[in-house]
Amino acid sequence: MGDGFGHGFGGGGLWMILVWLIPILLLVWGVAAFRGGWRGGGDGGNRSARELLDEEYAKGRIDREEYLRRKRDLSG
């Protein structure tokens, strides 16, 4: 009476979805981590500290005084 795996999503179907879904999600996560994260850009690891500082200031995350202080710190 039955093969022991169930039908549809009741048993075997759910496991088969997980068997495919988990490796696909791991692959997507690995590619995203390799390319620099989920935030976009993909070049986060290749930008200089000065470029990152300029971006923080441009986005308004730090004020002018903080920007100038950090810029001086980077200079020497």
PDB file of N, CA and C in Angstrom:
ATOM      1  N   MET A   1       0.795  -1.174   0.000  1.00  0.00           N
ATOM      2  CA  MET A   1       0.000   0.000   0.000  1.00  0.00           C
ATOM      3  C   MET A   1       0.846   1.249   0.000  1.00  0.00           C
ATOM      4  N   GLY A   2       1.250   1.619  -1.123  1.00  0.00           N
ATOM      5  CA  GLY A   2       2.029   2.842  -1.240  1.00  0.00           C
ATOM      6  C   GLY A   2       3.513   2.568  -1.186  1.00  0.00           C
ATOM      7  N   ASP A   3       4.250   3.526  -1.617  1.00  0.00           N
ATOM      8  CA  ASP A   3       5.705   3.390  -1.659  1.00  0.00           C
ATOM      9  C   ASP A   3       6.392   4.020  -0.453  1.00  0.00           C
ATOM     10  N   GLY A   4       5.607   4.571   0.458  1.00  0.00           N
ATOM     11  CA  GLY A   4       6.170   5.151   1.661  1.00  0.00           C
ATOM     12  C   GLY A   4       6.625   6.588   1.521  1.00  0.00           C
ATOM     13  N   PHE A   5       6.507   7.156   0.327  1.00  0.00           N
ATOM     14  CA  PHE A   5       6.961   8.524   0.117  1.00  0.00           C
ATOM     15  C   PHE A   5       5.827   9.536   0.076  1.00  0.00           C
ATOM     16  N   GLY A   6       4.608   9.107   0.007  1.00  0.00           N
ATOM     17  CA  GLY A   6       3.484  10.029  -0.053  1.00  0.00           C
ATOM     18  C   GLY A   6       3.301  10.586  -1.452  1.00  0.00           C
ATOM     19  N   HIS A   7       2.345  11.486  -1.594  1.00  0.00           N
ATOM     20  CA  HIS A   7       2.037  12.068  -2.895  1.00  0.00           C
ATOM     21  C   HIS A   7       1.912  13.578  -2.765  1.00  0.00           C
ATOM     22  N   GLY A   8       2.195  14.279  -3.829  1.00  0.00           N
ATOM     23  CA  GLY A   8       2.054  15.733  -3.833  1.00  0.00           C
ATOM     24  C   GLY A   8       2.995  16.373  -2.835  1.00  0.00           C
ATOM     25  N   PHE A   9       2.485  17.344  -2.096  1.00  0.00           N
ATOM     26  CA  PHE A   9       3.299  18.032  -1.103  1.00  0.00           C
ATOM     27  C   PHE A   9       3.244  17.350   0.253  1.00  0.00           C
ATOM     28  N   GLY A  10       2.508  16.275   0.370  1.00  0.00           N
ATOM     29  CA  GLY A  10       2.338  15.613   1.657  1.00  0.00           C
ATOM     30  C   GLY A  10       3.587  14.948   2.178  1.00  0.00           C
ATOM     31  N   GLY A  11       4.440  14.461   1.335  1.00  0.00           N
ATOM     32  CA  GLY A  11       5.608  13.746   1.819  1.00  0.00           C
ATOM     33  C   GLY A  11       6.764  13.890   0.859  1.00  0.00           C
ATOM     34  N   GLY A  12       6.774  13.019  -0.150  1.00  0.00           N
ATOM     35  CA  GLY A  12       7.871  12.993  -1.103  1.00  0.00           C
ATOM     36  C   GLY A  12       8.001  14.271  -1.899  1.00  0.00           C
ATOM     37  N   GLY A  13       6.873  14.884  -2.248  1.00  0.00           N
ATOM     38  CA  GLY A  13       6.918  16.117  -3.029  1.00  0.00           C
ATOM     39  C   GLY A  13       7.620  17.234  -2.299  1.00  0.00           C
ATOM     40  N   LEU A  14       7.356  17.354  -1.021  1.00  0.00           N
ATOM     41  CA  LEU A  14       8.005  18.394  -0.217  1.00  0.00           C
ATOM     42  C   LEU A  14       9.499  18.141  -0.120  1.00  0.00           C
ATOM     43  N   TRP A  15       9.887  16.905   0.089  1.00  0.00           N
ATOM     44  CA  TRP A  15      11.310  16.587   0.173  1.00  0.00           C
ATOM     45  C   TRP A  15      12.004  16.846  -1.156  1.00  0.00           C
ATOM     46  N   MET A  16      11.334  16.559  -2.251  1.00  0.00           N
ATOM     47  CA  MET A  16      11.944  16.776  -3.561  1.00  0.00           C
ATOM     48  C   MET A  16      12.150  18.267  -3.809  1.00  0.00           C
ATOM     49  N   ILE A  17      11.218  19.091  -3.363  1.00  0.00           N
ATOM     50  CA  ILE A  17      11.389  20.545  -3.487  1.00  0.00           C
ATOM     51  C   ILE A  17      12.594  20.997  -2.665  1.00  0.00           C
ATOM     52  N   LEU A  18      12.729  20.494  -1.447  1.00  0.00           N
ATOM     53  CA  LEU A  18      13.860  20.874  -0.596  1.00  0.00           C
ATOM     54  C   LEU A  18      15.187  20.393  -1.175  1.00  0.00           C
ATOM     55  N   VAL A  19      15.173  19.203  -1.778  1.00  0.00           N
ATOM     56  CA  VAL A  19      16.389  18.673  -2.385  1.00  0.00           C
ATOM     57  C   VAL A  19      16.886  19.612  -3.483  1.00  0.00           C
ATOM     58  N   TRP A  20      15.998  20.235  -4.214  1.00  0.00           N
ATOM     59  CA  TRP A  20      16.395  21.174  -5.280  1.00  0.00           C
ATOM     60  C   TRP A  20      16.571  22.591  -4.759  1.00  0.00           C
ATOM     61  N   LEU A  21      15.716  23.012  -3.849  1.00  0.00           N
ATOM     62  CA  LEU A  21      15.724  24.393  -3.390  1.00  0.00           C
ATOM     63  C   LEU A  21      16.969  24.737  -2.566  1.00  0.00           C
ATOM     64  N   ILE A  22      17.370  23.870  -1.675  1.00  0.00           N
ATOM     65  CA  ILE A  22      18.506  24.160  -0.797  1.00  0.00           C
ATOM     66  C   ILE A  22      19.796  24.364  -1.599  1.00  0.00           C
ATOM     67  N   PRO A  23      20.163  23.470  -2.516  1.00  0.00           N
ATOM     68  CA  PRO A  23      21.395  23.730  -3.292  1.00  0.00           C
ATOM     69  C   PRO A  23      21.313  24.993  -4.157  1.00  0.00           C
ATOM     70  N   ILE A  24      20.134  25.276  -4.700  1.00  0.00           N
ATOM     71  CA  ILE A  24      19.985  26.489  -5.518  1.00  0.00           C
ATOM     72  C   ILE A  24      20.179  27.729  -4.656  1.00  0.00           C
ATOM     73  N   LEU A  25      19.573  27.752  -3.474  1.00  0.00           N
ATOM     74  CA  LEU A  25      19.741  28.900  -2.571  1.00  0.00           C
ATOM     75  C   LEU A  25      21.195  29.052  -2.125  1.00  0.00           C
ATOM     76  N   LEU A  26      21.859  27.946  -1.851  1.00  0.00           N
ATOM     77  CA  LEU A  26      23.272  28.011  -1.474  1.00  0.00           C
ATOM     78  C   LEU A  26      24.127  28.556  -2.615  1.00  0.00           C
ATOM     79  N   LEU A  27      23.815  28.168  -3.821  1.00  0.00           N
ATOM     80  CA  LEU A  27      24.544  28.670  -4.985  1.00  0.00           C
ATOM     81  C   LEU A  27      24.346  30.169  -5.163  1.00  0.00           C
ATOM     82  N   VAL A  28      23.098  30.619  -5.045  1.00  0.00           N
ATOM     83  CA  VAL A  28      22.801  32.048  -5.171  1.00  0.00           C
ATOM     84  C   VAL A  28      23.504  32.832  -4.069  1.00  0.00           C
ATOM     85  N   TRP A  29      23.460  32.328  -2.844  1.00  0.00           N
ATOM     86  CA  TRP A  29      24.128  32.991  -1.723  1.00  0.00           C
ATOM     87  C   TRP A  29      25.634  33.061  -1.957  1.00  0.00           C
ATOM     88  N   GLY A  30      26.227  31.969  -2.450  1.00  0.00           N
ATOM     89  CA  GLY A  30      27.658  31.945  -2.694  1.00  0.00           C
ATOM     90  C   GLY A  30      28.082  32.939  -3.765  1.00  0.00           C
ATOM     91  N   VAL A  31      27.309  33.025  -4.834  1.00  0.00           N
ATOM     92  CA  VAL A  31      27.619  33.981  -5.906  1.00  0.00           C
ATOM     93  C   VAL A  31      27.495  35.408  -5.385  1.00  0.00           C
ATOM     94  N   ALA A  32      26.448  35.685  -4.620  1.00  0.00           N
ATOM     95  CA  ALA A  32      26.252  37.033  -4.068  1.00  0.00           C
ATOM     96  C   ALA A  32      27.390  37.398  -3.124  1.00  0.00           C
ATOM     97  N   ALA A  33      27.809  36.466  -2.286  1.00  0.00           N
ATOM     98  CA  ALA A  33      28.900  36.737  -1.347  1.00  0.00           C
ATOM     99  C   ALA A  33      30.204  36.972  -2.109  1.00  0.00           C
ATOM    100  N   PHE A  34      30.433  36.223  -3.155  1.00  0.00           N
ATOM    101  CA  PHE A  34      31.650  36.368  -3.949  1.00  0.00           C
ATOM    102  C   PHE A  34      31.683  37.702  -4.682  1.00  0.00           C
ATOM    103  N   ARG A  35      30.524  38.176  -5.139  1.00  0.00           N
ATOM    104  CA  ARG A  35      30.467  39.410  -5.916  1.00  0.00           C
ATOM    105  C   ARG A  35      30.376  40.656  -5.047  1.00  0.00           C
ATOM    106  N   GLY A  36      30.296  40.529  -3.743  1.00  0.00           N
ATOM    107  CA  GLY A  36      30.329  41.716  -2.897  1.00  0.00           C
ATOM    108  C   GLY A  36      29.066  41.949  -2.102  1.00  0.00           C
ATOM    109  N   GLY A  37      28.214  40.995  -1.992  1.00  0.00           N
ATOM    110  CA  GLY A  37      27.043  41.142  -1.140  1.00  0.00           C
ATOM    111  C   GLY A  37      25.776  41.458  -1.881  1.00  0.00           C
ATOM    112  N   TRP A  38      24.732  41.603  -1.107  1.00  0.00           N
ATOM    113  CA  TRP A  38      23.387  41.799  -1.642  1.00  0.00           C
ATOM    114  C   TRP A  38      23.102  43.253  -1.947  1.00  0.00           C
ATOM    115  N   ARG A  39      23.906  44.183  -1.461  1.00  0.00           N
ATOM    116  CA  ARG A  39      23.593  45.603  -1.603  1.00  0.00           C
ATOM    117  C   ARG A  39      23.854  46.151  -2.987  1.00  0.00           C
ATOM    118  N   GLY A  40      24.376  45.349  -3.849  1.00  0.00           N
ATOM    119  CA  GLY A  40      24.619  45.830  -5.209  1.00  0.00           C
ATOM    120  C   GLY A  40      26.021  46.347  -5.376  1.00  0.00           C
ATOM    121  N   GLY A  41      26.307  46.776  -6.552  1.00  0.00           N
ATOM    122  CA  GLY A  41      27.627  47.302  -6.847  1.00  0.00           C
ATOM    123  C   GLY A  41      28.571  46.226  -7.318  1.00  0.00           C
ATOM    124  N   GLY A  42      28.713  45.193  -6.535  1.00  0.00           N
ATOM    125  CA  GLY A  42      29.562  44.096  -6.914  1.00  0.00           C
ATOM    126  C   GLY A  42      31.049  44.391  -6.853  1.00  0.00           C
ATOM    127  N   ASP A  43      31.452  45.639  -6.617  1.00  0.00           N
ATOM    128  CA  ASP A  43      32.869  45.970  -6.568  1.00  0.00           C
ATOM    129  C   ASP A  43      33.272  46.469  -5.193  1.00  0.00           C
ATOM    130  N   GLY A  44      32.494  46.122  -4.171  1.00  0.00           N
ATOM    131  CA  GLY A  44      32.750  46.611  -2.827  1.00  0.00           C
ATOM    132  C   GLY A  44      34.145  46.297  -2.324  1.00  0.00           C
ATOM    133  N   GLY A  45      34.710  45.170  -2.747  1.00  0.00           N
ATOM    134  CA  GLY A  45      36.038  44.802  -2.313  1.00  0.00           C
ATOM    135  C   GLY A  45      37.137  45.481  -3.098  1.00  0.00           C
ATOM    136  N   ASN A  46      36.823  46.141  -4.183  1.00  0.00           N
ATOM    137  CA  ASN A  46      37.839  46.729  -5.042  1.00  0.00           C
ATOM    138  C   ASN A  46      37.933  48.245  -4.912  1.00  0.00           C
ATOM    139  N   ARG A  47      37.081  48.853  -4.134  1.00  0.00           N
ATOM    140  CA  ARG A  47      37.099  50.318  -4.017  1.00  0.00           C
ATOM    141  C   ARG A  47      38.041  50.740  -2.906  1.00  0.00           C
ATOM    142  N   SER A  48      38.649  51.885  -3.091  1.00  0.00           N
ATOM    143  CA  SER A  48      39.576  52.397  -2.087  1.00  0.00           C
ATOM    144  C   SER A  48      38.806  52.978  -0.908  1.00  0.00           C
ATOM    145  N   ALA A  49      39.538  53.171   0.181  1.00  0.00           N
ATOM    146  CA  ALA A  49      38.928  53.759   1.376  1.00  0.00           C
ATOM    147  C   ALA A  49      38.410  55.161   1.066  1.00  0.00           C
ATOM    148  N   ARG A  50      39.134  55.889   0.247  1.00  0.00           N
ATOM    149  CA  ARG A  50      38.716  57.255  -0.115  1.00  0.00           C
ATOM    150  C   ARG A  50      37.401  57.231  -0.892  1.00  0.00           C
ATOM    151  N   GLU A  51      37.258  56.286  -1.811  1.00  0.00           N
ATOM    152  CA  GLU A  51      36.012  56.178  -2.572  1.00  0.00           C
ATOM    153  C   GLU A  51      34.845  55.829  -1.664  1.00  0.00           C
ATOM    154  N   LEU A  52      35.080  54.939  -0.710  1.00  0.00           N
ATOM    155  CA  LEU A  52      34.018  54.582   0.233  1.00  0.00           C
ATOM    156  C   LEU A  52      33.645  55.776   1.104  1.00  0.00           C
ATOM    157  N   LEU A  53      34.653  56.543   1.526  1.00  0.00           N
ATOM    158  CA  LEU A  53      34.399  57.743   2.325  1.00  0.00           C
ATOM    159  C   LEU A  53      33.602  58.766   1.525  1.00  0.00           C
ATOM    160  N   ASP A  54      33.999  58.984   0.280  1.00  0.00           N
ATOM    161  CA  ASP A  54      33.273  59.921  -0.588  1.00  0.00           C
ATOM    162  C   ASP A  54      31.808  59.497  -0.738  1.00  0.00           C
ATOM    163  N   GLU A  55      31.588  58.203  -0.869  1.00  0.00           N
ATOM    164  CA  GLU A  55      30.218  57.703  -1.018  1.00  0.00           C
ATOM    165  C   GLU A  55      29.396  57.942   0.248  1.00  0.00           C
ATOM    166  N   GLU A  56      29.997  57.707   1.401  1.00  0.00           N
ATOM    167  CA  GLU A  56      29.290  57.940   2.667  1.00  0.00           C
ATOM    168  C   GLU A  56      28.868  59.411   2.793  1.00  0.00           C
ATOM    169  N   TYR A  57      29.756  60.295   2.421  1.00  0.00           N
ATOM    170  CA  TYR A  57      29.460  61.726   2.489  1.00  0.00           C
ATOM    171  C   TYR A  57      28.387  62.104   1.467  1.00  0.00           C
ATOM    172  N   ALA A  58      28.524  61.583   0.266  1.00  0.00           N
ATOM    173  CA  ALA A  58      27.556  61.899  -0.793  1.00  0.00           C
ATOM    174  C   ALA A  58      26.150  61.428  -0.435  1.00  0.00           C
ATOM    175  N   LYS A  59      26.062  60.332   0.272  1.00  0.00           N
ATOM    176  CA  LYS A  59      24.746  59.793   0.653  1.00  0.00           C
ATOM    177  C   LYS A  59      24.198  60.447   1.919  1.00  0.00           C
ATOM    178  N   GLY A  60      24.997  61.318   2.528  1.00  0.00           N
ATOM    179  CA  GLY A  60      24.530  62.028   3.710  1.00  0.00           C
ATOM    180  C   GLY A  60      24.624  61.228   4.996  1.00  0.00           C
ATOM    181  N   ARG A  61      25.390  60.170   4.986  1.00  0.00           N
ATOM    182  CA  ARG A  61      25.523  59.340   6.186  1.00  0.00           C
ATOM    183  C   ARG A  61      26.468  59.958   7.207  1.00  0.00           C
ATOM    184  N   ILE A  62      27.364  60.840   6.741  1.00  0.00           N
ATOM    185  CA  ILE A  62      28.255  61.564   7.651  1.00  0.00           C
ATOM    186  C   ILE A  62      28.223  63.038   7.260  1.00  0.00           C
ATOM    187  N   ASP A  63      28.475  63.901   8.248  1.00  0.00           N
ATOM    188  CA  ASP A  63      28.460  65.339   7.954  1.00  0.00           C
ATOM    189  C   ASP A  63      29.834  65.789   7.458  1.00  0.00           C
ATOM    190  N   ARG A  64      29.919  67.077   7.112  1.00  0.00           N
ATOM    191  CA  ARG A  64      31.143  67.622   6.514  1.00  0.00           C
ATOM    192  C   ARG A  64      32.336  67.514   7.455  1.00  0.00           C
ATOM    193  N   GLU A  65      32.124  67.813   8.732  1.00  0.00           N
ATOM    194  CA  GLU A  65      33.223  67.747   9.698  1.00  0.00           C
ATOM    195  C   GLU A  65      33.776  66.328   9.806  1.00  0.00           C
ATOM    196  N   GLU A  66      32.886  65.363   9.888  1.00  0.00           N
ATOM    197  CA  GLU A  66      33.316  63.970   9.980  1.00  0.00           C
ATOM    198  C   GLU A  66      34.038  63.543   8.697  1.00  0.00           C
ATOM    199  N   TYR A  67      33.513  63.975   7.566  1.00  0.00           N
ATOM    200  CA  TYR A  67      34.142  63.671   6.281  1.00  0.00           C
ATOM    201  C   TYR A  67      35.567  64.207   6.242  1.00  0.00           C
ATOM    202  N   LEU A  68      35.756  65.481   6.623  1.00  0.00           N
ATOM    203  CA  LEU A  68      37.084  66.086   6.586  1.00  0.00           C
ATOM    204  C   LEU A  68      38.038  65.423   7.578  1.00  0.00           C
ATOM    205  N   ARG A  69      37.521  65.055   8.754  1.00  0.00           N
ATOM    206  CA  ARG A  69      38.352  64.384   9.756  1.00  0.00           C
ATOM    207  C   ARG A  69      38.842  63.040   9.224  1.00  0.00           C
ATOM    208  N   ARG A  70      37.923  62.262   8.672  1.00  0.00           N
ATOM    209  CA  ARG A  70      38.301  60.947   8.147  1.00  0.00           C
ATOM    210  C   ARG A  70      39.235  61.077   6.935  1.00  0.00           C
ATOM    211  N   LYS A  71      39.004  62.096   6.129  1.00  0.00           N
ATOM    212  CA  LYS A  71      39.863  62.332   4.963  1.00  0.00           C
ATOM    213  C   LYS A  71      41.290  62.636   5.415  1.00  0.00           C
ATOM    214  N   ARG A  72      41.422  63.454   6.471  1.00  0.00           N
ATOM    215  CA  ARG A  72      42.750  63.750   7.031  1.00  0.00           C
ATOM    216  C   ARG A  72      43.390  62.474   7.565  1.00  0.00           C
ATOM    217  N   ASP A  73      42.617  61.662   8.252  1.00  0.00           N
ATOM    218  CA  ASP A  73      43.139  60.398   8.811  1.00  0.00           C
ATOM    219  C   ASP A  73      43.671  59.485   7.701  1.00  0.00           C
ATOM    220  N   LEU A  74      42.979  59.465   6.575  1.00  0.00           N
ATOM    221  CA  LEU A  74      43.408  58.622   5.462  1.00  0.00           C
ATOM    222  C   LEU A  74      44.668  59.145   4.785  1.00  0.00           C
ATOM    223  N   SER A  75      44.857  60.447   4.867  1.00  0.00           N
ATOM    224  CA  SER A  75      45.999  61.067   4.194  1.00  0.00           C
ATOM    225  C   SER A  75      47.324  60.776   4.899  1.00  0.00           C
ATOM    226  N   GLY A  76      47.263  60.500   6.152  1.00  0.00           N
ATOM    227  CA  GLY A  76      48.553  60.269   6.776  1.00  0.00           C
ATOM    228  C   GLY A  76      48.484  60.272   8.207  1.00  0.00           C
TER     229      GLY A  76
END
